[in-house]
Every structure is written in C-alpha cells, then in structure tokens.
Amino acid sequence: MRVFHLIALLVFSFLFPSFFFAGNTDSTKIVVVDSIIIKGNDRTKDHIILREITVSPDDSIPFSDLKILTRKCRLNLLNTALFNFAEIEITETLSDHVYLTVSLTERWYLWPFPLLELSDRNLNAWLDHADRARINYGFFAIQENFRGRKEELKFLFRAGYDELFGISYKIPFLNKKQTIGCTSMISFGRNHEVAVASVHNRPIYQNEIDGYAEKKLAGSYSLFWRPKIHFTQGVQFMYNGVSVSDSMLIAQPNYLGTSSRRVDYLSVLYFLKADFRDVAAYPLKGWYFDFFIVKNGLSLLENENVNFLSLKFLGRYYKPIHRNIFFAASISGKISDNQIQPYFVQQGLGYYNDFVRGYEYYVVDCQNYALYKLGLKMSLISPKSRKINWLPNERFGKIHYALYLNLFHDGAFCDQLSYQTGNPLNTGFMYGTGAGLDFVTYYDKVVRIEYSVNRQKESGLFVHFIAPI
C-alpha cells in the first residue's frame, strides 16, 4: 500500500508541479524593482524616458507581469519616435529583487535639408499629367527632441508652384507630472493655381500666371492633456485668413461663400485619441481610435462668412491570425451640419490618407462620407536588423527592415448635394481591391507599391509612403 501511495504521489507531482512548487513560479513570485538604469540616451533627458515606462523603483510586482510590462514599455519608447532601437533587460540580484536596464539607440534629430516636392495631392496624381512646373522647392528644417525634452521645432521655406512659409513649436510637457503640453504654429502661403471645382471627380484649376490666385494666413494654438500613456485629448484654437483674385471669384463664385475677395474666420477644435497599437508607424497588433469635432466660424470677426460644424472619426484594428499572417481593418467618416459650404473648405475623399485605393486620381468633394479599409498581410521578410559597416554612426548604421505582401479591399459611401453635378462619385458607393508590397524600415519609413482595380474596372500601379491602415 505504501508503494502505491508513493507512486500516486510521484505521478500527481509530475502532472501538477505547481501544486508543490508554486512559490518558485514566475506567476506567483513577487519581485521588488530596485532601480532603472538608462543607457544610450546621449541627448534625451531621463524623465522623458521614464514617462513611457510604467514601472517605478520600489514597485512590488509578480515577475511574470513584469516581463509583460517591460515588453509594453519597450513599444512605448519606440512609439515616441525618439529611438530606432530600445531594449529592456531584467536582472535579478538578491532574493526577489531586480533592476531594469534600458538600452537605447537614439535617432538623428536635426534635419536641415533642401525641399523638393510635388504640388499635387499625391505622387500618383502628379504622374497622371507629369507637369514639371508643378514642383515646389525650398528649405525645410526640423529639430526633433529639442533640448532633449521631446520638443519639436520646425521651419519651412517653400517656393515654386505653391509658396509656404511657416514655423511651429511643440512642447509635450509643461508641468512636472508631464501630462499637459502645447503646440503653436503660424504660416503664410501663396498659390499660383487653386482647384475651384471638380468635373468627373477630377480637379479643375484656376491659374494665375502673373500673380497669385490665393493667399492664406493661418495660426493656431493647441493645448493637450495626456494623463496616461495611451490616451490624449485637447483643444485647438485656429485663425484663417483667405484672399483670392478677381478671376477666382468669376471661376467659382462660391469659392469663399461670399462676393468679397477675403474671408477671415476663427475655429475651435476638440480631439480625443486612444492608441493601443504595437508599433505606430506600421501596426500589426492592437487598436486605435480618434475623434475630432470642429466649429468653423465663431462670429467674432467682422467678415467671418464661414459657419458650420463638422465631426470626423477613425477606428483601426489589428490582429495577428497566424505566425506570419496579419489582419487589419479601419472605418472612418465625416459628418457636417451645413449642406452648403464655401468650396475652399470642401475636403472629402482623395486627400491625405482618406481615399479608396484604386481612386488615387480622383477627388470626391463631399461633406459626409463613410470609408472602410480591409487588409490581409503576409510577412515575406520578418523584421530584421543589421549593421551597415561603412556608416559608423549608429543612428544610421544600424537599421531594421521588413517586407509584407498586402491584399486589400476598400469601400466608401459619399453624400453630397452642393457639388454633385458632373461628379458621379459624389453620391453612392465606390470600392477598390488589389494587392501590393509594403517595405518598412527605420525612421518610420514605409514604401508601398500596389496594383488595384476599382468599381469602374479601372486599374493601375500606385506608390504610397505611409502604412495602408
């Protein structure tokens, strides 16, 4: 009988070892964090880094939870856009005591470079007519991580087809708790050519060869609150002054919404963001949501002829479904309260990243729309890092890269009453589908080459420089 009991005890302990050794498992072992050591931050202040680390010295935490938290903190550091590489190592010292070592590779923060860009909405729209005169040139300087405090200072001097001169300054942390920040901006622009209408959903331009079709003066001040790592909300106050030539008003009488050649108006905007993506530049896991509501026209200026309210939202979801296969989806939309708006504030689909793939050549000047995007990605080259020996500076010589095959389907529904004549896409449903290759590398650079087909059976090869979803 004793032999039977002994055998049963051995079998039970083999099948359920945690019953006997629970005190030694990571899931129940409580450790104390003695200190956090930071290495590689030649410029970035320690308190900027510690703001992204949700563990503090003297914290008592289960060892298994600490492993999970350090992985999340590593992603927090990478998503600051201050570092190309970040690693956090846990080292055990005395019994139930550990310290963390944060090893960083900082980015290059000063970018003074000549500016050469296209005046069109995207590269594909420019290639549609390939007019070399529609090129802007100048000088663009960005000082990121200014003073080592994650501040950002920008100067822009742009001449050529569309002139723009501006300066902006962002201070992410104004208080000791590092929860409140602000951004200020002022700019002045002059355009020789401005879109005054769309026909067959292609922009129609008014050109002023000897003068300027439009001049703009803009300024803004934002105050935002980031109480936790993943949540940000804030308000922005804006001023816009727009003046146009006489021929502009003849070409589009409703361009400013008034018979006057000048409009000045104030706006106030509220925004809310929740960001739980693993890597912001090219996410594979997590979710993101933002919400904007803006009131254009506050009836405080003399010739403030703009008066409407609009709302925009964006939701994105990312899910690994296999070791090297990933699913992504997004839905976004815009709603405006006024059916008739000045043409110069019209901005529906076809601008920035708000477009259906396969319709890169088109614009849809609608006041209300809903847009969805679906994607299935397969990793062809999983994320890798390597050193370039002939670049001794680690900020450039140590790189990471990855390559993905991307299958996608997009669709949108637009609702517009003011400018729908001659523009069949301004109402109804549009969709596109296709496949492409996404190359991802350091400094948040993404290069996409895609082949797509839209609802009208039009197909083409397109190039983009931002994550698809």
Protein backbone atom coordinates (compact mmCIF):
# COMPACT_ATOMS: atom_id res chain seq x y z
CA MET A 1 0.00 0.00 0.00
CA ARG A 2 2.85 2.40 0.83
CA VAL A 3 4.38 1.71 -2.59
CA PHE A 4 1.04 2.53 -4.24
CA HIS A 5 0.77 5.83 -2.30
CA LEU A 6 4.34 6.75 -3.27
CA ILE A 7 3.73 6.03 -6.94
CA ALA A 8 0.47 8.04 -6.88
CA LEU A 9 2.27 10.95 -5.21
CA LEU A 10 5.03 10.95 -7.83
CA VAL A 11 2.52 10.84 -10.71
CA PHE A 12 0.47 13.67 -9.18
CA SER A 13 3.56 15.82 -8.64
CA PHE A 14 4.65 15.23 -12.24
CA LEU A 15 1.27 16.22 -13.67
CA PHE A 16 0.70 19.18 -11.31
CA PRO A 17 4.13 20.52 -10.31
CA SER A 18 2.76 23.96 -9.48
CA PHE A 19 0.83 22.39 -6.56
CA PHE A 20 4.14 21.63 -4.84
CA PHE A 21 6.38 24.36 -6.23
CA ALA A 22 4.01 27.31 -6.60
CA GLY A 23 6.33 29.53 -4.63
CA ASN A 24 9.03 29.26 -7.33
CA THR A 25 6.93 30.03 -10.43
CA ASP A 26 7.01 33.33 -12.26
CA SER A 27 3.22 33.67 -12.00
CA THR A 28 3.28 33.95 -8.19
CA LYS A 29 6.78 35.16 -7.46
CA ILE A 30 6.70 38.78 -6.27
CA VAL A 31 9.78 40.88 -7.01
CA VAL A 32 10.83 44.37 -5.98
CA VAL A 33 12.25 46.73 -8.59
CA ASP A 34 15.32 48.32 -7.01
CA SER A 35 16.32 50.70 -9.83
CA ILE A 36 16.07 51.55 -13.52
CA ILE A 37 19.33 52.12 -15.38
CA ILE A 38 19.20 54.00 -18.69
CA LYS A 39 21.92 53.69 -21.33
CA GLY A 40 22.38 55.27 -24.75
CA ASN A 41 20.43 58.49 -24.16
CA ASP A 42 23.12 60.95 -25.18
CA ARG A 43 20.55 63.69 -25.71
CA THR A 44 17.20 62.60 -24.30
CA LYS A 45 16.56 63.51 -20.67
CA ASP A 46 15.91 60.65 -18.24
CA HIS A 47 12.49 61.96 -17.21
CA ILE A 48 11.29 61.85 -20.84
CA ILE A 49 12.20 58.16 -20.99
CA LEU A 50 10.78 57.31 -17.57
CA ARG A 51 7.46 58.89 -18.64
CA GLU A 52 6.98 55.96 -21.06
CA ILE A 53 7.96 53.29 -18.50
CA THR A 54 5.02 52.21 -16.35
CA VAL A 55 7.25 50.59 -13.71
CA SER A 56 8.93 52.60 -10.94
CA PRO A 57 11.65 51.84 -8.38
CA ASP A 58 10.32 50.17 -5.19
CA ASP A 59 7.35 48.69 -7.08
CA SER A 60 6.39 45.17 -5.98
CA ILE A 61 5.03 43.14 -8.85
CA PRO A 62 4.66 39.49 -9.95
CA PHE A 63 7.67 38.53 -12.03
CA SER A 64 5.51 37.28 -14.92
CA ASP A 65 3.64 40.62 -15.00
CA LEU A 66 6.95 42.48 -15.01
CA LYS A 67 8.02 40.63 -18.15
CA ILE A 68 4.80 41.67 -19.90
CA LEU A 69 5.10 45.28 -18.73
CA THR A 70 8.69 45.64 -19.94
CA ARG A 71 7.67 44.46 -23.40
CA LYS A 72 4.90 47.08 -23.47
CA CYS A 73 7.28 49.76 -22.17
CA ARG A 74 9.71 48.95 -24.98
CA LEU A 75 6.95 49.63 -27.52
CA ASN A 76 6.04 52.84 -25.69
CA LEU A 77 9.63 54.04 -26.11
CA LEU A 78 9.73 53.15 -29.81
CA ASN A 79 6.43 54.93 -30.43
CA THR A 80 7.87 58.21 -29.13
CA ALA A 81 9.77 58.39 -32.47
CA LEU A 82 12.89 59.29 -30.48
CA PHE A 83 14.67 55.93 -30.81
CA ASN A 84 15.46 53.47 -33.57
CA PHE A 85 16.04 50.63 -31.11
CA ALA A 86 15.02 50.04 -27.49
CA GLU A 87 15.61 47.05 -25.23
CA ILE A 88 14.71 46.49 -21.56
CA GLU A 89 16.56 43.77 -19.63
CA ILE A 90 15.52 42.37 -16.24
CA THR A 91 18.39 41.38 -13.92
CA GLU A 92 17.83 39.53 -10.64
CA THR A 93 20.08 40.50 -7.72
CA LEU A 94 19.19 39.42 -4.20
CA SER A 95 16.28 37.16 -3.50
CA ASP A 96 13.11 38.65 -5.02
CA HIS A 97 14.88 41.87 -6.09
CA VAL A 98 15.56 43.02 -9.66
CA TYR A 99 16.77 46.04 -11.59
CA LEU A 100 15.94 47.11 -15.13
CA THR A 101 18.43 48.16 -17.79
CA VAL A 102 17.03 50.28 -20.63
CA SER A 103 19.36 50.28 -23.67
CA LEU A 104 18.55 52.82 -26.38
CA THR A 105 19.75 53.83 -29.84
CA GLU A 106 18.72 57.42 -30.41
CA ARG A 107 17.65 58.75 -33.77
CA TRP A 108 19.18 61.65 -35.64
CA TYR A 109 17.19 64.69 -34.56
CA LEU A 110 18.32 67.64 -36.71
CA TRP A 111 17.08 67.51 -40.29
CA PRO A 112 18.04 70.53 -42.38
CA PHE A 113 17.52 69.57 -45.99
CA PRO A 114 16.54 71.06 -49.33
CA LEU A 115 12.90 70.64 -50.19
CA LEU A 116 11.68 69.22 -53.50
CA GLU A 117 8.07 68.13 -53.57
CA LEU A 118 5.04 67.87 -55.82
CA SER A 119 2.18 70.35 -55.60
CA ASP A 120 -0.42 67.67 -56.28
CA ARG A 121 -2.31 65.66 -53.66
CA ASN A 122 -0.03 62.63 -54.11
CA LEU A 123 2.64 61.19 -56.39
CA ASN A 124 0.06 59.27 -58.43
CA ALA A 125 -1.98 62.41 -59.18
CA TRP A 126 1.18 64.21 -60.34
CA LEU A 127 2.24 61.29 -62.55
CA ASP A 128 -1.18 61.47 -64.20
CA HIS A 129 -0.02 64.60 -66.07
CA ALA A 130 3.70 64.81 -65.06
CA ASP A 131 3.93 68.59 -65.27
CA ARG A 132 7.43 69.58 -64.14
CA ALA A 133 6.24 73.12 -63.47
CA ARG A 134 4.07 71.78 -60.64
CA ILE A 135 7.05 71.24 -58.36
CA ASN A 136 7.86 73.07 -55.15
CA TYR A 137 11.35 73.70 -53.83
CA GLY A 138 12.88 75.33 -50.81
CA PHE A 139 14.29 74.56 -47.38
CA PHE A 140 12.82 72.54 -44.52
CA ALA A 141 14.43 72.26 -41.08
CA ILE A 142 13.19 70.11 -38.21
CA GLN A 143 14.80 69.97 -34.80
CA GLU A 144 13.27 66.95 -33.14
CA ASN A 145 13.82 66.21 -29.47
CA PHE A 146 14.81 69.86 -28.97
CA ARG A 147 16.71 70.35 -25.68
CA GLY A 148 16.39 66.59 -25.10
CA ARG A 149 12.78 67.12 -23.94
CA LYS A 150 10.88 65.66 -26.92
CA GLU A 151 10.11 69.18 -28.11
CA GLU A 152 9.83 69.80 -31.83
CA LEU A 153 10.79 72.95 -33.72
CA LYS A 154 10.01 73.29 -37.45
CA PHE A 155 10.93 75.92 -40.05
CA LEU A 156 9.59 75.83 -43.60
CA PHE A 157 10.58 77.97 -46.57
CA ARG A 158 8.90 76.67 -49.72
CA ALA A 159 8.94 78.41 -53.09
CA GLY A 160 7.96 77.23 -56.55
CA TYR A 161 4.43 76.43 -57.64
CA ASP A 162 2.89 76.70 -54.15
CA GLU A 163 4.70 79.02 -51.73
CA LEU A 164 4.54 78.45 -47.99
CA PHE A 165 6.48 79.94 -45.10
CA GLY A 166 5.89 78.79 -41.57
CA ILE A 167 7.18 77.95 -38.10
CA SER A 168 5.80 75.65 -35.42
CA TYR A 169 6.88 74.67 -31.92
CA LYS A 170 5.64 71.72 -29.85
CA ILE A 171 6.23 71.34 -26.12
CA PRO A 172 4.89 67.95 -24.98
CA PHE A 173 5.25 68.55 -21.25
CA LEU A 174 4.50 71.82 -19.47
CA ASN A 175 4.01 70.52 -15.93
CA LYS A 176 6.00 68.33 -13.55
CA LYS A 177 3.60 65.41 -13.95
CA GLN A 178 4.27 65.51 -17.71
CA THR A 179 0.59 65.35 -18.60
CA ILE A 180 -0.03 68.74 -20.27
CA GLY A 181 1.56 70.01 -23.49
CA CYS A 182 1.02 72.60 -26.20
CA THR A 183 1.70 73.35 -29.86
CA SER A 184 1.77 76.70 -31.65
CA MET A 185 2.01 77.44 -35.38
CA ILE A 186 1.92 80.33 -37.83
CA SER A 187 2.17 80.17 -41.63
CA PHE A 188 1.68 82.22 -44.78
CA GLY A 189 1.10 80.74 -48.21
CA ARG A 190 0.55 81.91 -51.80
CA ASN A 191 -0.67 79.72 -54.65
CA HIS A 192 -0.45 80.41 -58.38
CA GLU A 193 -3.03 77.72 -59.03
CA VAL A 194 -6.02 76.58 -56.98
CA ALA A 195 -8.68 73.93 -57.52
CA VAL A 196 -12.02 75.72 -57.94
CA ALA A 197 -14.22 72.80 -58.92
CA SER A 198 -14.24 69.15 -59.94
CA VAL A 199 -15.67 67.62 -63.10
CA HIS A 200 -15.93 63.84 -63.41
CA ASN A 201 -14.28 63.94 -59.97
CA ARG A 202 -11.08 65.41 -61.39
CA PRO A 203 -9.87 68.78 -60.01
CA ILE A 204 -10.35 71.84 -62.22
CA TYR A 205 -7.72 74.52 -61.57
CA GLN A 206 -7.71 78.29 -61.87
CA ASN A 207 -4.24 79.51 -62.85
CA GLU A 208 -2.78 82.99 -62.30
CA ILE A 209 0.39 83.22 -64.38
CA ASP A 210 1.38 86.77 -63.40
CA GLY A 211 0.01 86.78 -59.86
CA TYR A 212 -1.42 84.65 -57.10
CA ALA A 213 -4.82 83.01 -57.21
CA GLU A 214 -4.98 82.61 -53.45
CA LYS A 215 -3.18 83.84 -50.31
CA LYS A 216 -3.56 82.31 -46.86
CA LEU A 217 -2.51 83.39 -43.38
CA ALA A 218 -3.02 80.82 -40.62
CA GLY A 219 -2.21 80.49 -36.96
CA SER A 220 -3.12 78.01 -34.24
CA TYR A 221 -2.53 77.13 -30.61
CA SER A 222 -3.24 73.69 -29.14
CA LEU A 223 -3.38 72.57 -25.54
CA PHE A 224 -3.49 68.83 -24.90
CA TRP A 225 -3.70 66.52 -21.91
CA ARG A 226 -2.12 63.06 -21.76
CA PRO A 227 -2.85 61.64 -18.30
CA LYS A 228 -1.96 58.08 -19.31
CA ILE A 229 0.31 56.50 -21.87
CA HIS A 230 -2.37 55.66 -24.40
CA PHE A 231 -4.93 58.47 -24.08
CA THR A 232 -4.70 62.09 -25.28
CA GLN A 233 -7.31 64.81 -25.57
CA GLY A 234 -7.13 68.52 -26.17
CA VAL A 235 -8.43 71.68 -27.77
CA GLN A 236 -7.08 73.75 -30.65
CA PHE A 237 -7.82 77.39 -31.46
CA MET A 238 -7.28 78.48 -35.07
CA TYR A 239 -7.32 81.60 -37.20
CA ASN A 240 -7.54 81.54 -41.01
CA GLY A 241 -7.45 84.46 -43.41
CA VAL A 242 -8.02 83.70 -47.10
CA SER A 243 -7.95 86.16 -50.01
CA VAL A 244 -8.39 85.41 -53.72
CA SER A 245 -8.05 87.16 -57.06
CA ASP A 246 -10.97 88.57 -59.05
CA SER A 247 -10.68 85.83 -61.64
CA MET A 248 -11.01 83.22 -58.88
CA LEU A 249 -14.42 84.59 -57.90
CA ILE A 250 -15.50 84.60 -61.53
CA ALA A 251 -14.40 80.98 -61.99
CA GLN A 252 -16.05 79.85 -58.74
CA PRO A 253 -18.46 82.40 -57.18
CA ASN A 254 -18.96 80.15 -54.13
CA TYR A 255 -15.26 79.63 -53.51
CA LEU A 256 -15.35 81.84 -50.37
CA GLY A 257 -19.10 81.68 -49.91
CA THR A 258 -19.36 85.45 -50.38
CA SER A 259 -18.90 88.10 -53.05
CA SER A 260 -15.99 89.54 -51.09
CA ARG A 261 -12.44 88.66 -52.08
CA ARG A 262 -11.42 87.99 -48.46
CA VAL A 263 -12.66 85.87 -45.58
CA ASP A 264 -11.32 85.75 -42.02
CA TYR A 265 -12.64 83.24 -39.53
CA LEU A 266 -11.89 81.58 -36.20
CA SER A 267 -12.27 77.91 -35.35
CA VAL A 268 -12.15 75.78 -32.25
CA LEU A 269 -11.50 72.03 -32.29
CA TYR A 270 -11.72 69.28 -29.68
CA PHE A 271 -9.94 65.96 -30.17
CA LEU A 272 -9.65 62.64 -28.37
CA LYS A 273 -7.20 59.84 -29.17
CA ALA A 274 -6.73 56.31 -27.84
CA ASP A 275 -3.67 54.50 -29.18
CA PHE A 276 -3.02 50.86 -28.29
CA ARG A 277 -1.02 49.90 -31.41
CA ASP A 278 2.15 47.87 -31.01
CA VAL A 279 4.18 49.99 -33.47
CA ALA A 280 2.53 53.22 -34.59
CA ALA A 281 4.35 53.52 -37.94
CA TYR A 282 3.29 50.05 -39.16
CA PRO A 283 1.00 48.26 -36.68
CA LEU A 284 0.40 44.52 -36.63
CA LYS A 285 -1.44 44.24 -33.31
CA GLY A 286 -3.71 46.44 -31.22
CA TRP A 287 -6.23 49.18 -31.95
CA TYR A 288 -6.52 52.93 -32.46
CA PHE A 289 -9.36 55.46 -32.26
CA ASP A 290 -9.58 59.21 -32.70
CA PHE A 291 -12.43 61.69 -32.72
CA PHE A 292 -12.45 65.33 -33.85
CA ILE A 293 -15.22 67.91 -33.67
CA VAL A 294 -14.56 71.39 -35.06
CA LYS A 295 -16.65 74.54 -35.18
CA ASN A 296 -15.57 76.75 -38.08
CA GLY A 297 -16.73 80.33 -37.64
CA LEU A 298 -17.30 81.78 -34.17
CA SER A 299 -19.00 85.04 -35.29
CA LEU A 300 -16.30 87.11 -33.59
CA LEU A 301 -14.69 88.71 -36.67
CA GLU A 302 -16.17 91.32 -38.98
CA ASN A 303 -16.17 89.38 -42.27
CA GLU A 304 -16.47 85.88 -40.83
CA ASN A 305 -18.58 84.26 -43.54
CA VAL A 306 -17.82 80.66 -42.52
CA ASN A 307 -20.21 78.93 -40.14
CA PHE A 308 -20.50 75.16 -39.89
CA LEU A 309 -19.82 72.25 -37.56
CA SER A 310 -18.14 69.03 -38.65
CA LEU A 311 -17.19 65.77 -36.99
CA LYS A 312 -14.58 63.20 -38.02
CA PHE A 313 -13.73 59.83 -36.52
CA LEU A 314 -11.31 57.00 -37.23
CA GLY A 315 -11.09 53.49 -35.80
CA ARG A 316 -8.46 50.87 -36.62
CA TYR A 317 -7.99 47.26 -35.52
CA TYR A 318 -5.01 44.94 -36.00
CA LYS A 319 -4.91 41.21 -35.27
CA PRO A 320 -2.25 38.51 -35.88
CA ILE A 321 -4.10 35.43 -37.12
CA HIS A 322 -1.06 33.23 -37.74
CA ARG A 323 2.65 33.32 -37.11
CA ASN A 324 3.24 35.46 -40.22
CA ILE A 325 -0.27 36.47 -41.33
CA PHE A 326 -1.97 39.62 -40.03
CA PHE A 327 -5.42 41.15 -40.41
CA ALA A 328 -6.16 44.90 -40.36
CA ALA A 329 -9.36 46.90 -40.65
CA SER A 330 -10.36 50.53 -40.34
CA ILE A 331 -13.51 52.61 -40.52
CA SER A 332 -13.64 56.39 -40.72
CA GLY A 333 -16.16 59.05 -41.50
CA LYS A 334 -17.07 62.71 -41.67
CA ILE A 335 -20.38 64.45 -40.92
CA SER A 336 -21.13 68.15 -41.48
CA ASP A 337 -24.18 70.08 -40.34
CA ASN A 338 -24.48 72.53 -43.26
CA GLN A 339 -25.47 71.37 -46.74
CA ILE A 340 -23.91 74.37 -48.48
CA GLN A 341 -20.33 75.28 -47.59
CA PRO A 342 -17.74 77.52 -49.27
CA TYR A 343 -15.78 75.48 -51.79
CA PHE A 344 -12.38 76.20 -50.21
CA VAL A 345 -13.30 74.28 -47.04
CA GLN A 346 -14.55 71.27 -49.01
CA GLN A 347 -12.36 68.26 -48.33
CA GLY A 348 -13.86 64.83 -48.70
CA LEU A 349 -12.18 61.76 -50.17
CA GLY A 350 -8.93 61.92 -52.12
CA TYR A 351 -6.89 63.92 -49.59
CA TYR A 352 -4.18 62.67 -47.24
CA ASN A 353 -4.97 59.05 -46.33
CA ASP A 354 -8.74 59.40 -46.82
CA PHE A 355 -9.25 57.66 -50.15
CA VAL A 356 -10.34 54.36 -51.64
CA ARG A 357 -7.42 52.54 -53.18
CA GLY A 358 -7.92 52.42 -56.92
CA TYR A 359 -9.24 56.03 -56.96
CA GLU A 360 -5.94 57.85 -56.40
CA TYR A 361 -6.55 60.09 -59.45
CA TYR A 362 -9.94 61.27 -58.19
CA VAL A 363 -11.32 63.67 -55.59
CA VAL A 364 -14.77 63.50 -54.06
CA ASP A 365 -15.78 66.90 -52.67
CA CYS A 366 -18.35 65.57 -50.26
CA GLN A 367 -19.37 66.88 -46.86
CA ASN A 368 -20.39 63.48 -45.48
CA TYR A 369 -18.76 60.12 -46.08
CA ALA A 370 -18.04 56.72 -44.55
CA LEU A 371 -14.88 54.83 -45.52
CA TYR A 372 -13.69 51.33 -44.64
CA LYS A 373 -10.44 49.54 -45.41
CA LEU A 374 -9.62 45.83 -45.05
CA GLY A 375 -6.20 44.27 -45.35
CA LEU A 376 -4.56 40.87 -45.06
CA LYS A 377 -0.77 40.89 -44.76
CA MET A 378 1.76 38.09 -45.08
CA SER A 379 5.28 38.55 -43.81
CA LEU A 380 7.75 37.82 -46.63
CA ILE A 381 10.75 39.10 -44.67
CA SER A 382 10.15 39.18 -40.93
CA PRO A 383 11.55 42.20 -39.05
CA LYS A 384 15.34 42.03 -39.10
CA SER A 385 18.16 44.33 -38.02
CA ARG A 386 21.68 44.67 -39.37
CA LYS A 387 24.64 46.98 -39.35
CA ILE A 388 25.95 48.90 -42.33
CA ASN A 389 29.70 48.84 -41.80
CA TRP A 390 30.51 51.85 -43.96
CA LEU A 391 28.20 54.03 -41.82
CA PRO A 392 29.99 54.36 -38.47
CA ASN A 393 27.26 56.46 -36.83
CA GLU A 394 24.89 54.04 -35.11
CA ARG A 395 21.95 56.39 -35.73
CA PHE A 396 22.21 55.49 -39.43
CA GLY A 397 24.45 52.42 -39.50
CA LYS A 398 22.12 50.17 -37.54
CA ILE A 399 18.88 49.58 -39.42
CA HIS A 400 15.80 47.39 -39.25
CA TYR A 401 13.57 46.34 -42.14
CA ALA A 402 10.68 44.07 -43.11
CA LEU A 403 8.67 43.20 -46.22
CA TYR A 404 4.98 42.26 -46.42
CA LEU A 405 2.57 41.10 -49.10
CA ASN A 406 -0.66 43.05 -48.72
CA LEU A 407 -4.09 42.03 -50.05
CA PHE A 408 -6.75 44.69 -49.61
CA HIS A 409 -10.31 45.83 -50.24
CA ASP A 410 -11.63 49.37 -49.60
CA GLY A 411 -15.06 50.92 -49.93
CA ALA A 412 -16.78 54.23 -49.28
CA PHE A 413 -20.19 55.85 -49.40
CA CYS A 414 -20.47 59.60 -50.02
CA ASP A 415 -23.35 62.03 -49.60
CA GLN A 416 -23.15 65.47 -51.20
CA LEU A 417 -25.77 67.84 -52.53
CA SER A 418 -23.82 71.04 -53.20
CA TYR A 419 -21.24 69.96 -55.81
CA GLN A 420 -22.58 66.68 -57.19
CA THR A 421 -23.38 67.93 -60.73
CA GLY A 422 -20.99 66.29 -63.18
CA ASN A 423 -19.36 64.25 -60.39
CA PRO A 424 -20.81 60.73 -60.34
CA LEU A 425 -18.71 59.61 -57.36
CA ASN A 426 -20.11 62.31 -55.07
CA THR A 427 -23.08 60.14 -54.21
CA GLY A 428 -23.29 56.38 -54.00
CA PHE A 429 -20.88 53.53 -53.30
CA MET A 430 -17.32 53.13 -54.56
CA TYR A 431 -14.84 50.33 -53.92
CA GLY A 432 -11.42 49.06 -54.95
CA THR A 433 -9.41 45.90 -54.40
CA GLY A 434 -5.88 44.76 -55.11
CA ALA A 435 -2.51 43.60 -53.85
CA GLY A 436 0.83 45.17 -53.07
CA LEU A 437 4.20 45.04 -51.35
CA ASP A 438 4.98 47.04 -48.20
CA PHE A 439 8.60 47.76 -47.30
CA VAL A 440 9.12 49.00 -43.73
CA THR A 441 12.37 50.38 -42.33
CA TYR A 442 13.77 52.72 -39.68
CA TYR A 443 12.78 56.34 -39.08
CA ASP A 444 9.15 55.23 -39.59
CA LYS A 445 9.61 54.91 -43.36
CA VAL A 446 7.11 52.86 -45.35
CA VAL A 447 7.16 52.36 -49.13
CA ARG A 448 4.15 50.70 -50.75
CA ILE A 449 3.74 49.58 -54.34
CA GLU A 450 0.17 48.47 -55.10
CA TYR A 451 -1.86 47.26 -58.04
CA SER A 452 -5.59 47.92 -57.67
CA VAL A 453 -8.86 47.75 -59.60
CA ASN A 454 -11.85 49.98 -58.81
CA ARG A 455 -15.58 49.64 -59.35
CA GLN A 456 -15.33 51.26 -62.80
CA LYS A 457 -12.92 48.46 -63.86
CA GLU A 458 -10.04 50.94 -63.98
CA SER A 459 -6.71 49.52 -62.85
CA GLY A 460 -3.26 50.87 -62.17
CA LEU A 461 0.00 50.69 -60.27
CA PHE A 462 0.30 53.16 -57.38
CA VAL A 463 3.01 54.23 -54.94
CA HIS A 464 2.45 55.43 -51.35
CA PHE A 465 4.68 56.34 -48.43
CA ILE A 466 2.54 55.61 -45.37
CA ALA A 467 1.07 52.49 -43.78
CA PRO A 468 -2.12 51.43 -45.62
CA ILE A 469 -4.22 51.14 -42.44
